Amino acid sequence: MKFGSLKFEVSPQAVLDWKPPLGYTLGMKTAISLPDEIFGQAEEMAKTLKVSRSELYCRALQEYLARHAPDRVTEALDKLSNEVATRPEPFLRRAGRRVLERDEW
């Protein structure tokens, strides 16, 4: 393929395999409904931060998901602790008891 004075080598298979982008955005495009008051606040925040509305919503959702991810981590650790023996060895229990008995509370 020749473009001006530049020549490009493109295999026929590459041409057949090429798929055009699905849209002009780099991510999933979606529509949501918001109360007018929240929409207005979001518009003001986007202007203050000098970011697009999409960027603001993306950041907000990322933060929300990050804040709730610990719940999933806790659930996974709870499940793991139920599957694994977590009781200390008898020697460690006796040693710990001796230390606590000698210590003044």
C-alpha atoms as a PDB file:
ATOM      1  CA  MET A   1       0.000   0.000   0.000  1.00  0.00           C
ATOM      2  CA  LYS A   2       1.397   3.419  -0.928  1.00  0.00           C
ATOM      3  CA  PHE A   3       0.481   6.659   0.810  1.00  0.00           C
ATOM      4  CA  GLY A   4       2.191   9.629  -0.796  1.00  0.00           C
ATOM      5  CA  SER A   5       5.886   8.829  -0.789  1.00  0.00           C
ATOM      6  CA  LEU A   6       5.439   6.307   2.057  1.00  0.00           C
ATOM      7  CA  LYS A   7       5.019   2.630   1.348  1.00  0.00           C
ATOM      8  CA  PHE A   8       3.344   0.271   3.818  1.00  0.00           C
ATOM      9  CA  GLU A   9       3.535  -3.498   3.762  1.00  0.00           C
ATOM     10  CA  VAL A  10       0.207  -4.985   4.882  1.00  0.00           C
ATOM     11  CA  SER A  11      -0.567  -8.655   4.618  1.00  0.00           C
ATOM     12  CA  PRO A  12      -3.916  -9.692   3.153  1.00  0.00           C
ATOM     13  CA  GLN A  13      -4.700 -11.548   6.410  1.00  0.00           C
ATOM     14  CA  ALA A  14      -4.098  -8.363   8.450  1.00  0.00           C
ATOM     15  CA  VAL A  15      -6.590  -6.541   6.253  1.00  0.00           C
ATOM     16  CA  LEU A  16      -9.155  -9.308   6.745  1.00  0.00           C
ATOM     17  CA  ASP A  17      -8.568  -9.439  10.530  1.00  0.00           C
ATOM     18  CA  TRP A  18      -8.823  -5.670  11.038  1.00  0.00           C
ATOM     19  CA  LYS A  19     -11.911  -4.481  12.885  1.00  0.00           C
ATOM     20  CA  PRO A  20     -12.857  -0.824  13.108  1.00  0.00           C
ATOM     21  CA  PRO A  21     -13.214   0.763  16.566  1.00  0.00           C
ATOM     22  CA  LEU A  22     -16.684   0.431  18.033  1.00  0.00           C
ATOM     23  CA  GLY A  23     -16.998   4.121  18.842  1.00  0.00           C
ATOM     24  CA  TYR A  24     -15.151   7.335  19.403  1.00  0.00           C
ATOM     25  CA  THR A  25     -14.610   6.623  23.105  1.00  0.00           C
ATOM     26  CA  LEU A  26     -12.029   4.322  24.646  1.00  0.00           C
ATOM     27  CA  GLY A  27     -14.465   2.746  27.078  1.00  0.00           C
ATOM     28  CA  MET A  28     -18.019   1.581  27.515  1.00  0.00           C
ATOM     29  CA  LYS A  29     -20.599   4.240  26.754  1.00  0.00           C
ATOM     30  CA  THR A  30     -23.651   4.150  28.995  1.00  0.00           C
ATOM     31  CA  ALA A  31     -26.622   6.302  30.005  1.00  0.00           C
ATOM     32  CA  ILE A  32     -27.678   6.958  33.580  1.00  0.00           C
ATOM     33  CA  SER A  33     -30.437   8.962  35.236  1.00  0.00           C
ATOM     34  CA  LEU A  34     -29.625  11.372  38.067  1.00  0.00           C
ATOM     35  CA  PRO A  35     -31.704  13.713  40.189  1.00  0.00           C
ATOM     36  CA  ASP A  36     -31.370  17.302  38.922  1.00  0.00           C
ATOM     37  CA  GLU A  37     -29.660  18.463  42.125  1.00  0.00           C
ATOM     38  CA  ILE A  38     -26.914  15.819  41.921  1.00  0.00           C
ATOM     39  CA  PHE A  39     -26.452  16.454  38.211  1.00  0.00           C
ATOM     40  CA  GLY A  40     -25.974  20.175  38.914  1.00  0.00           C
ATOM     41  CA  GLN A  41     -23.462  19.478  41.674  1.00  0.00           C
ATOM     42  CA  ALA A  42     -21.580  17.114  39.378  1.00  0.00           C
ATOM     43  CA  GLU A  43     -21.469  19.749  36.633  1.00  0.00           C
ATOM     44  CA  GLU A  44     -20.012  22.279  39.076  1.00  0.00           C
ATOM     45  CA  MET A  45     -17.449  19.771  40.360  1.00  0.00           C
ATOM     46  CA  ALA A  46     -16.364  18.832  36.834  1.00  0.00           C
ATOM     47  CA  LYS A  47     -15.820  22.524  36.019  1.00  0.00           C
ATOM     48  CA  THR A  48     -13.908  23.073  39.270  1.00  0.00           C
ATOM     49  CA  LEU A  49     -11.663  20.066  38.593  1.00  0.00           C
ATOM     50  CA  LYS A  50     -11.427  20.967  34.883  1.00  0.00           C
ATOM     51  CA  VAL A  51     -12.400  17.446  33.802  1.00  0.00           C
ATOM     52  CA  SER A  52     -15.167  16.119  31.602  1.00  0.00           C
ATOM     53  CA  ARG A  53     -18.402  14.857  33.085  1.00  0.00           C
ATOM     54  CA  SER A  54     -17.428  11.339  31.995  1.00  0.00           C
ATOM     55  CA  GLU A  55     -14.082  11.622  33.781  1.00  0.00           C
ATOM     56  CA  LEU A  56     -15.779  12.857  36.958  1.00  0.00           C
ATOM     57  CA  TYR A  57     -18.293   9.982  36.916  1.00  0.00           C
ATOM     58  CA  CYS A  58     -15.506   7.498  36.212  1.00  0.00           C
ATOM     59  CA  ARG A  59     -13.462   8.771  39.161  1.00  0.00           C
ATOM     60  CA  ALA A  60     -16.500   8.709  41.433  1.00  0.00           C
ATOM     61  CA  LEU A  61     -17.345   5.130  40.502  1.00  0.00           C
ATOM     62  CA  GLN A  62     -13.719   4.033  40.919  1.00  0.00           C
ATOM     63  CA  GLU A  63     -13.671   5.526  44.415  1.00  0.00           C
ATOM     64  CA  TYR A  64     -16.983   3.901  45.312  1.00  0.00           C
ATOM     65  CA  LEU A  65     -15.789   0.494  44.119  1.00  0.00           C
ATOM     66  CA  ALA A  66     -12.490   0.858  45.975  1.00  0.00           C
ATOM     67  CA  ARG A  67     -14.298   1.741  49.191  1.00  0.00           C
ATOM     68  CA  HIS A  68     -16.469  -1.359  48.940  1.00  0.00           C
ATOM     69  CA  ALA A  69     -13.719  -3.748  47.854  1.00  0.00           C
ATOM     70  CA  PRO A  70     -12.655  -4.368  51.498  1.00  0.00           C
ATOM     71  CA  ASP A  71     -16.005  -6.076  52.033  1.00  0.00           C
ATOM     72  CA  ARG A  72     -15.064  -8.635  49.398  1.00  0.00           C
ATOM     73  CA  VAL A  73     -11.601  -9.050  50.918  1.00  0.00           C
ATOM     74  CA  THR A  74     -13.109  -9.592  54.365  1.00  0.00           C
ATOM     75  CA  GLU A  75     -15.533 -12.174  53.006  1.00  0.00           C
ATOM     76  CA  ALA A  76     -12.683 -14.040  51.279  1.00  0.00           C
ATOM     77  CA  LEU A  77     -10.552 -14.012  54.448  1.00  0.00           C
ATOM     78  CA  ASP A  78     -13.495 -15.203  56.549  1.00  0.00           C
ATOM     79  CA  LYS A  79     -14.051 -18.088  54.150  1.00  0.00           C
ATOM     80  CA  LEU A  80     -10.356 -18.962  54.209  1.00  0.00           C
ATOM     81  CA  SER A  81     -10.162 -18.874  58.010  1.00  0.00           C
ATOM     82  CA  ASN A  82     -13.080 -21.300  58.185  1.00  0.00           C
ATOM     83  CA  GLU A  83     -11.205 -23.715  55.924  1.00  0.00           C
ATOM     84  CA  VAL A  84      -7.811 -23.494  57.646  1.00  0.00           C
ATOM     85  CA  ALA A  85      -6.971 -24.610  61.169  1.00  0.00           C
ATOM     86  CA  THR A  86      -6.274 -21.393  63.058  1.00  0.00           C
ATOM     87  CA  ARG A  87      -5.789 -22.760  66.557  1.00  0.00           C
ATOM     88  CA  PRO A  88      -2.220 -22.407  67.845  1.00  0.00           C
ATOM     89  CA  GLU A  89      -0.110 -25.444  68.606  1.00  0.00           C
ATOM     90  CA  PRO A  90      -0.406 -26.759  72.209  1.00  0.00           C
ATOM     91  CA  PHE A  91       3.180 -25.653  72.994  1.00  0.00           C
ATOM     92  CA  LEU A  92       2.431 -22.080  71.927  1.00  0.00           C
ATOM     93  CA  ARG A  93      -0.796 -22.008  73.940  1.00  0.00           C
ATOM     94  CA  ARG A  94       1.037 -23.174  77.100  1.00  0.00           C
ATOM     95  CA  ALA A  95       3.882 -20.688  76.565  1.00  0.00           C
ATOM     96  CA  GLY A  96       1.450 -17.838  76.019  1.00  0.00           C
ATOM     97  CA  ARG A  97      -0.495 -18.759  79.137  1.00  0.00           C
ATOM     98  CA  ARG A  98       2.725 -18.776  81.225  1.00  0.00           C
ATOM     99  CA  VAL A  99       3.685 -15.338  79.970  1.00  0.00           C
ATOM    100  CA  LEU A 100       0.246 -13.951  80.773  1.00  0.00           C
ATOM    101  CA  GLU A 101       0.228 -15.554  84.257  1.00  0.00           C
ATOM    102  CA  ARG A 102       3.580 -13.893  85.128  1.00  0.00           C
ATOM    103  CA  ASP A 103       2.556 -10.477  83.835  1.00  0.00           C
ATOM    104  CA  GLU A 104       0.690  -8.029  86.061  1.00  0.00           C
ATOM    105  CA  TRP A 105      -2.455  -6.688  84.487  1.00  0.00           C
END
